[in-house]
Protein backbone atom coordinates (compact mmCIF):
# COMPACT_ATOMS: atom_id res chain seq x y z
CA MET A 1 37.71 13.95 -0.21
CA THR A 2 39.19 10.08 -0.12
CA PRO A 3 37.03 7.24 1.16
CA ALA A 4 38.82 7.54 4.45
CA ALA A 5 38.05 11.21 4.87
CA ARG A 6 34.66 10.53 3.94
CA ILE A 7 34.31 8.06 6.88
CA GLN A 8 36.10 10.70 9.10
CA ALA A 9 33.52 12.77 8.28
CA SER A 10 30.70 10.65 8.87
CA ILE A 11 32.02 9.59 12.05
CA GLU A 12 32.23 13.28 13.36
CA ILE A 13 28.69 14.07 12.38
CA LEU A 14 27.25 10.54 13.71
CA GLU A 15 28.75 11.94 17.02
CA GLN A 16 26.82 14.72 16.89
CA ILE A 17 23.60 12.82 16.16
CA LEU A 18 24.19 10.42 19.02
CA SER A 19 24.45 13.39 21.68
CA GLY A 20 21.13 14.68 20.32
CA THR A 21 21.49 16.88 17.21
CA PRO A 22 18.80 16.08 14.88
CA VAL A 23 20.05 14.48 11.78
CA GLU A 24 19.68 17.23 9.09
CA LYS A 25 20.93 19.64 11.24
CA SER A 26 24.15 17.87 11.86
CA LEU A 27 25.09 17.51 8.17
CA THR A 28 23.91 20.87 7.71
CA ASN A 29 26.37 21.85 10.14
CA TRP A 30 29.03 19.76 8.67
CA ALA A 31 28.38 21.02 5.16
CA ARG A 32 28.98 24.66 6.18
CA ARG A 33 31.74 23.85 7.89
CA SER A 34 33.36 22.03 5.11
CA ARG A 35 33.30 23.93 1.86
CA PHE A 36 36.03 21.96 0.44
CA ALA A 37 33.88 19.29 0.22
CA GLY A 38 32.09 18.69 -3.28
CA SER A 39 28.61 17.40 -4.18
CA LYS A 40 29.76 13.94 -4.48
CA ASP A 41 31.50 13.89 -1.46
CA ARG A 42 28.34 15.47 0.47
CA ALA A 43 26.29 12.55 -1.28
CA ALA A 44 28.79 9.95 -0.02
CA VAL A 45 28.60 10.95 3.56
CA ARG A 46 24.98 11.20 3.55
CA ASP A 47 24.79 7.69 2.77
CA HIS A 48 27.28 6.83 5.43
CA VAL A 49 25.47 8.52 7.71
CA PHE A 50 21.74 7.23 7.12
CA GLU A 51 23.26 3.78 6.56
CA ALA A 52 24.84 3.67 9.89
CA LEU A 53 21.56 5.08 11.57
CA ARG A 54 19.36 2.32 9.74
CA CYS A 55 21.87 -0.30 11.06
CA LYS A 56 22.71 1.25 14.40
CA ARG A 57 22.44 -1.91 16.56
CA SER A 58 23.89 -4.22 14.30
CA PHE A 59 26.79 -1.75 13.31
CA ALA A 60 27.59 -1.30 17.01
CA ALA A 61 27.86 -4.59 17.73
CA LEU A 62 30.43 -5.22 14.87
CA GLY A 63 32.30 -2.19 15.43
CA GLY A 64 32.01 -2.72 19.20
CA ALA A 65 30.79 0.71 20.50
CA GLU A 66 27.85 2.45 19.93
CA THR A 67 29.60 5.90 18.95
CA GLY A 68 30.23 7.52 15.59
CA ARG A 69 33.66 5.76 15.27
CA GLY A 70 31.89 2.41 16.47
CA LEU A 71 28.97 2.33 13.67
CA MET A 72 31.43 3.30 10.97
CA ILE A 73 33.94 0.45 12.14
CA GLY A 74 30.70 -1.81 11.91
CA ALA A 75 29.35 -0.75 8.52
CA VAL A 76 33.25 -1.25 7.18
CA ARG A 77 33.49 -4.70 8.81
CA GLY A 78 29.83 -5.51 7.94
CA SER A 79 30.40 -4.41 4.00
CA GLY A 80 33.72 -6.73 3.76
CA GLU A 81 35.89 -3.76 2.93
CA GLU A 82 39.65 -3.96 4.46
CA LEU A 83 39.22 -1.54 7.44
CA ALA A 84 43.33 -0.81 7.53
CA ASP A 85 42.69 0.83 4.32
CA LEU A 86 40.31 3.21 5.75
CA PHE A 87 41.24 3.19 9.19
CA SER A 88 44.93 3.92 8.74
CA GLY A 89 45.41 6.94 10.56
CA ALA A 90 46.94 9.07 7.74
CA ARG A 91 46.08 12.38 6.78
CA HIS A 92 42.03 13.00 7.44
CA ALA A 93 41.65 9.43 8.19
CA PRO A 94 40.17 7.97 11.13
CA ALA A 95 42.88 6.75 13.73
CA VAL A 96 44.28 2.73 13.48
CA LEU A 97 41.75 0.40 15.08
CA SER A 98 42.77 -0.60 18.74
CA GLN A 99 43.19 -4.01 19.91
CA ASP A 100 39.70 -3.90 21.58
CA GLU A 101 37.91 -2.48 18.47
CA ASN A 102 37.24 -6.11 17.28
CA GLY A 103 33.09 -6.33 17.65
CA ARG A 104 31.02 -8.95 18.97
CA GLU A 105 28.40 -11.46 17.66
CA PHE A 106 25.05 -10.43 17.80
CA LEU A 107 23.31 -11.02 21.02
CA THR A 108 19.59 -11.22 19.64
CA ASP A 109 17.64 -11.26 16.63
CA ALA A 110 16.57 -7.53 17.52
CA GLU A 111 20.02 -6.63 17.52
CA ARG A 112 20.95 -8.53 14.51
CA TYR A 113 18.08 -6.97 12.38
CA ASP A 114 18.24 -3.40 14.09
CA ILE A 115 14.93 -3.51 15.71
CA PRO A 116 14.51 -1.81 19.17
CA GLU A 117 14.37 -4.56 21.74
CA TRP A 118 11.21 -3.84 23.24
CA LEU A 119 9.47 -3.71 19.85
CA TRP A 120 10.76 -6.94 18.63
CA PRO A 121 7.69 -8.84 20.07
CA ARG A 122 5.14 -6.57 18.39
CA PHE A 123 7.02 -6.41 15.37
CA GLN A 124 7.08 -10.32 15.09
CA SER A 125 3.12 -10.35 15.89
CA SER A 126 2.50 -7.90 13.29
CA LEU A 127 4.76 -9.08 10.19
CA GLY A 128 4.57 -12.85 11.25
CA ASP A 129 6.91 -14.99 8.31
CA GLN A 130 7.54 -11.28 6.74
CA THR A 131 9.35 -10.40 9.97
CA VAL A 132 13.02 -10.72 8.61
CA ALA A 133 12.15 -9.91 5.51
CA VAL A 134 10.91 -6.57 6.38
CA ALA A 135 13.47 -6.10 9.23
CA ARG A 136 16.24 -6.42 6.31
CA ALA A 137 14.64 -3.92 3.99
CA LEU A 138 14.57 -1.46 6.70
CA GLN A 139 18.64 -1.88 6.69
CA HIS A 140 18.55 -0.52 3.30
CA ARG A 141 17.94 2.60 1.43
CA ALA A 142 14.23 3.28 0.09
CA PRO A 143 13.87 3.37 -3.52
CA VAL A 144 12.71 6.82 -5.07
CA HIS A 145 9.41 7.00 -6.51
CA LEU A 146 7.19 9.49 -8.53
CA ARG A 147 3.77 9.92 -9.21
CA VAL A 148 2.78 10.84 -12.67
CA ASN A 149 0.42 13.72 -12.62
CA LEU A 150 -2.53 12.17 -14.84
CA ILE A 151 -3.85 16.17 -15.07
CA LYS A 152 -0.77 17.00 -17.16
CA THR A 153 0.82 14.07 -18.83
CA ASP A 154 0.43 9.99 -19.07
CA VAL A 155 2.81 7.23 -18.10
CA PRO A 156 4.43 6.93 -21.23
CA ASP A 157 5.14 10.80 -21.99
CA ALA A 158 6.50 11.41 -18.35
CA ILE A 159 8.70 8.22 -18.95
CA ALA A 160 9.89 10.05 -21.87
CA ALA A 161 10.22 13.26 -20.60
CA LEU A 162 12.42 12.12 -17.66
CA ALA A 163 14.28 10.14 -19.92
CA VAL A 164 15.53 13.20 -21.76
CA GLU A 165 17.26 14.19 -18.86
CA ASP A 166 18.95 10.93 -18.00
CA ILE A 167 16.92 10.05 -15.51
CA LYS A 168 15.77 6.16 -15.84
CA ALA A 169 12.10 5.55 -14.40
CA VAL A 170 9.87 2.24 -14.89
CA ALA A 171 6.35 1.43 -13.90
CA HIS A 172 5.88 0.29 -10.38
CA PRO A 173 3.06 -2.47 -9.97
CA ALA A 174 1.59 -0.47 -6.45
CA CYS A 175 -0.83 1.54 -8.93
CA GLU A 176 -1.26 3.03 -12.34
CA THR A 177 0.32 6.41 -11.43
CA ALA A 178 3.64 5.15 -9.56
CA LEU A 179 7.08 4.94 -11.61
CA GLU A 180 10.44 3.81 -9.55
CA VAL A 181 13.45 5.64 -10.45
CA ALA A 182 16.11 3.35 -11.54
CA GLU A 183 19.17 5.99 -12.30
CA GLY A 184 19.14 9.78 -12.17
CA ALA A 185 17.45 10.25 -8.97
CA ARG A 186 19.32 13.27 -7.86
CA LYS A 187 18.64 15.14 -10.92
CA ILE A 188 14.74 14.89 -10.38
CA ALA A 189 14.37 18.38 -8.57
CA GLN A 190 15.64 20.04 -11.29
CA SER A 191 14.51 18.09 -14.15
CA ARG A 192 11.49 19.69 -16.34
CA ALA A 193 9.23 17.16 -15.75
CA TYR A 194 9.32 17.84 -11.94
CA THR A 195 9.29 21.70 -12.14
CA GLU A 196 6.47 21.53 -14.73
CA GLY A 197 4.20 19.35 -12.64
CA LEU A 198 4.28 16.31 -14.87
CA VAL A 199 5.67 14.11 -11.58
CA GLU A 200 5.75 14.66 -8.12
CA LEU A 201 7.97 12.85 -5.68
CA GLN A 202 5.64 10.48 -3.68
CA ASP A 203 5.82 6.81 -2.47
CA ALA A 204 4.26 4.20 -4.60
CA ALA A 205 2.47 2.79 -1.49
CA SER A 206 1.26 6.45 -0.54
CA GLN A 207 -0.21 6.73 -3.89
CA ALA A 208 -1.60 3.44 -3.81
CA VAL A 209 -3.75 4.43 -0.46
CA VAL A 210 -5.28 7.21 -2.40
CA ALA A 211 -5.87 4.78 -5.82
CA ALA A 212 -7.80 2.46 -3.42
CA LEU A 213 -10.52 4.97 -3.03
CA GLU A 214 -13.34 4.97 -5.55
CA LEU A 215 -13.49 8.68 -6.41
CA ARG A 216 -16.09 10.42 -8.70
CA PRO A 217 -16.55 13.80 -9.95
CA GLU A 218 -18.18 16.49 -7.87
CA MET A 219 -17.36 14.48 -4.71
CA ARG A 220 -16.07 16.45 -1.81
CA VAL A 221 -12.98 14.91 -0.12
CA LEU A 222 -11.21 16.17 2.81
CA ASP A 223 -7.54 15.27 3.67
CA PHE A 224 -7.51 15.68 7.40
CA CYS A 225 -3.80 15.23 8.08
CA ALA A 226 -2.51 16.40 4.82
CA GLY A 227 0.86 17.48 6.14
CA GLY A 228 2.97 18.65 2.93
CA GLY A 229 0.00 17.84 0.61
CA GLY A 230 1.40 14.94 -1.29
CA LYS A 231 -1.82 12.95 -0.76
CA SER A 232 -4.24 16.19 -1.35
CA LEU A 233 -2.37 16.52 -4.68
CA ALA A 234 -2.83 12.93 -5.53
CA LEU A 235 -6.39 13.17 -5.00
CA ALA A 236 -6.76 16.54 -6.61
CA ALA A 237 -5.43 14.76 -9.85
CA HIS A 238 -8.88 13.11 -10.16
CA GLN A 239 -10.76 15.11 -12.45
CA GLY A 240 -13.62 16.68 -10.82
CA VAL A 241 -12.93 15.99 -7.21
CA LYS A 242 -13.28 18.85 -4.97
CA VAL A 243 -10.21 18.49 -2.43
CA ILE A 244 -10.15 20.33 0.99
CA ALA A 245 -6.85 19.82 2.83
CA HIS A 246 -6.44 20.44 6.77
CA ASP A 247 -3.81 19.71 9.48
CA VAL A 248 -3.47 20.50 12.82
CA ASN A 249 -0.38 22.09 12.50
CA ALA A 250 -1.15 24.56 9.56
CA SER A 251 2.41 25.44 8.87
CA ARG A 252 3.01 21.90 7.75
CA MET A 253 1.10 22.94 4.44
CA ARG A 254 2.88 25.98 3.50
CA ASP A 255 4.23 24.76 0.71
CA LEU A 256 0.92 23.40 -0.76
CA PRO A 257 -0.25 26.26 -2.82
CA ALA A 258 2.98 26.49 -4.47
CA ARG A 259 2.89 22.55 -5.09
CA ALA A 260 -0.97 22.74 -6.60
CA GLU A 261 0.02 25.42 -8.75
CA ARG A 262 2.96 23.47 -10.31
CA ALA A 263 0.63 20.55 -10.49
CA GLY A 264 -2.41 22.16 -12.00
CA VAL A 265 -4.86 21.40 -9.23
CA GLN A 266 -6.94 22.92 -6.81
CA VAL A 267 -6.60 22.26 -3.52
CA GLN A 268 -8.90 24.40 -0.67
CA ILE A 269 -6.94 24.54 2.66
CA VAL A 270 -9.22 25.05 5.71
CA SER A 271 -8.02 25.75 9.94
CA THR A 272 -9.19 23.73 12.40
CA ASP A 273 -11.51 26.20 13.52
CA GLU A 274 -13.39 26.40 10.11
CA LEU A 275 -13.79 22.54 9.60
CA PRO A 276 -17.25 22.61 11.69
CA GLN A 277 -18.86 24.86 9.39
CA GLN A 278 -17.88 22.70 6.50
CA ASP A 279 -20.74 20.29 4.84
CA PRO A 280 -20.27 16.56 5.43
CA PHE A 281 -17.70 14.93 3.20
CA ASP A 282 -18.34 12.39 0.91
CA VAL A 283 -14.87 10.91 1.75
CA VAL A 284 -12.38 12.02 4.67
CA LEU A 285 -8.85 10.43 4.32
CA ALA A 286 -7.11 10.41 7.86
CA ASP A 287 -3.23 9.59 7.38
CA ALA A 288 -3.11 9.84 11.08
CA PRO A 289 0.16 10.62 13.04
CA CYS A 290 1.97 7.57 13.70
CA SER A 291 5.31 5.57 14.45
CA GLY A 292 6.65 5.90 10.87
CA SER A 293 7.33 2.21 11.02
CA GLY A 294 6.86 2.35 7.44
CA SER A 295 9.22 5.00 6.23
CA TRP A 296 12.16 4.18 8.92
CA ARG A 297 14.34 3.58 5.81
CA ARG A 298 13.78 7.36 4.91
CA ALA A 299 13.89 8.98 8.63
CA PRO A 300 15.98 6.13 10.36
CA ALA A 301 16.21 8.46 13.69
CA GLY A 302 12.64 7.92 14.29
CA LYS A 303 13.25 4.29 14.58
CA TRP A 304 15.15 4.64 17.59
CA ALA A 305 13.34 7.79 19.00
CA LEU A 306 10.30 5.38 19.54
CA THR A 307 9.44 4.19 22.80
CA GLU A 308 6.49 2.32 24.47
CA ASP A 309 5.20 5.04 26.01
CA ARG A 310 5.29 7.17 22.94
CA LEU A 311 3.19 4.18 20.79
CA GLN A 312 0.66 4.24 23.43
CA GLU A 313 0.39 8.02 23.06
CA LEU A 314 -0.11 7.87 19.37
CA THR A 315 -2.49 4.92 19.17
CA GLY A 316 -4.73 7.12 21.59
CA ILE A 317 -4.59 9.85 19.17
CA GLN A 318 -5.37 7.66 16.47
CA SER A 319 -8.49 6.56 18.06
CA CYS A 320 -9.30 10.02 18.98
CA ILE A 321 -9.12 11.20 15.41
CA LEU A 322 -11.37 8.51 14.03
CA ASP A 323 -14.00 8.97 16.71
CA GLN A 324 -13.81 12.90 15.84
CA LEU A 325 -13.96 12.36 11.86
CA LYS A 326 -17.20 10.02 12.10
CA THR A 327 -19.22 13.34 12.53
CA LEU A 328 -17.69 14.94 9.26
CA VAL A 329 -18.85 12.04 6.64
CA ALA A 330 -21.95 12.29 4.91
CA PRO A 331 -24.38 9.22 5.22
CA GLY A 332 -22.89 6.42 2.86
CA GLY A 333 -19.83 8.11 2.67
CA VAL A 334 -16.40 6.73 3.41
CA LEU A 335 -14.12 7.57 6.10
CA ALA A 336 -10.27 6.01 5.15
CA TYR A 337 -7.88 5.30 8.11
CA ALA A 338 -4.28 5.05 7.05
CA THR A 339 -0.63 5.09 8.63
CA CYS A 340 2.59 4.99 7.35
CA SER A 341 3.06 1.94 10.09
CA MET A 342 3.06 -1.83 9.68
CA LEU A 343 2.42 -2.41 13.16
CA ASP A 344 -1.27 -3.62 14.33
CA ASP A 345 -1.22 -1.55 17.38
CA GLU A 346 -1.58 1.04 15.16
CA ASN A 347 -3.63 -0.52 11.76
CA GLY A 348 -6.11 -3.19 12.29
CA ASN A 349 -6.25 -2.91 16.21
CA ILE A 350 -7.22 0.69 15.98
CA VAL A 351 -9.91 0.01 13.28
CA ASP A 352 -11.47 -2.87 14.84
CA ALA A 353 -12.04 -1.08 18.26
CA PHE A 354 -13.76 1.81 16.22
CA LEU A 355 -15.87 -0.91 14.72
CA ARG A 356 -16.70 -2.49 18.23
CA ALA A 357 -17.50 0.87 19.60
CA ASN A 358 -19.70 2.18 16.68
CA PRO A 359 -21.46 -0.90 15.10
CA GLN A 360 -23.69 1.34 12.82
CA TRP A 361 -20.13 1.53 11.21
CA SER A 362 -18.74 -1.25 8.34
CA GLU A 363 -15.55 -1.95 6.80
CA THR A 364 -15.63 -2.38 3.01
CA PHE A 365 -11.72 -2.23 2.51
CA ARG A 366 -8.58 -3.27 4.03
CA LYS A 367 -4.69 -3.43 2.90
CA THR A 368 -1.08 -3.33 4.20
CA TRP A 369 1.66 -2.48 1.91
CA LEU A 370 5.45 -3.82 3.39
CA VAL A 371 8.65 -2.47 2.74
CA SER A 372 9.49 -5.74 1.93
CA HIS A 373 7.35 -5.31 -1.30
CA GLY A 374 9.40 -2.38 -2.74
CA ALA A 375 7.31 0.57 -1.34
CA ASP A 376 6.86 2.19 2.07
CA GLY A 377 4.96 0.56 4.66
CA PHE A 378 1.39 1.32 4.68
CA PHE A 379 -1.71 0.36 5.93
CA THR A 380 -5.35 1.68 4.98
CA ALA A 381 -8.90 0.77 5.75
CA HIS A 382 -12.42 2.06 4.31
CA LEU A 383 -15.28 2.57 6.75
CA THR A 384 -18.86 3.37 5.85
CA ARG A 385 -22.47 3.43 7.87
């Protein structure tokens, strides 16, 4: 495919997404219809689509319309490329620009930095002098991070194993197990280091949330909102720690047994009905449902789907989870609350309200990671009584 044909394909996919079709379904449908497209074409189109979704407001302004065509005009105009070379009307290329497709100036900072208008005040209040840096980071692709599985290898050997297959990785400062992939990210899934469980795909800040816990052999640890199980695997990589994984939607954990086997670790899965029969845990980790604002680079559609009502619903869920879990923590144990959000509404405000309502509990640790620091946005706080 020519660069112009890739732009046209991206326009068509974006039109489907804007009309309500999920992102991955739209991309998959296009790939099935376009058997002529090679792997490089599919990757390039995917990159175009995700860039347009991350920058939907600013590209719509630059392109003159919130349509697939408008977003791609805005993308090309914003990159400084020559529009006439790509919007030429030639075979498989988008039509030539009309006189009314000139774009316009940004009306607000929220538009310039691609944040929903209603959310911008909360965004500023939460991030202070980091507001613009964080918003700009969210406009770009997230780095690819790996977790070194210390059960099977160490950091130097993992880096060497990846290098054999032309994957360049370097240590990331978030925690000792974190690597950032500098070259060859698309080769990871087929690499020996990955298939043999030496490394796992996991954001550096997500790893750091686990690394912040003081884990010791014989501890019983509950990963309450386990999801796909990334944190469960990171917890289980600590020698002698017994990890129990739970998620209210058990289907999210369907791949966890195979992932645990590949990693060479043990993770026990329990249902919601079985939880009350479990003894109290030394550590309960709750990576609670949230806005996902810290991972909007990877899932940009979530940024535009979030509403004020949904944010209020999420904060209610988060408060309920903390209240539910306090009975599952052994005396002297730790309740670790975490979100992949950077919003005070979901982070410090939730913890502070819990502490006010439960004066026998105290906070021993709190930390926020921002996307402007080279990882996903995350928050965690450790509570004990």
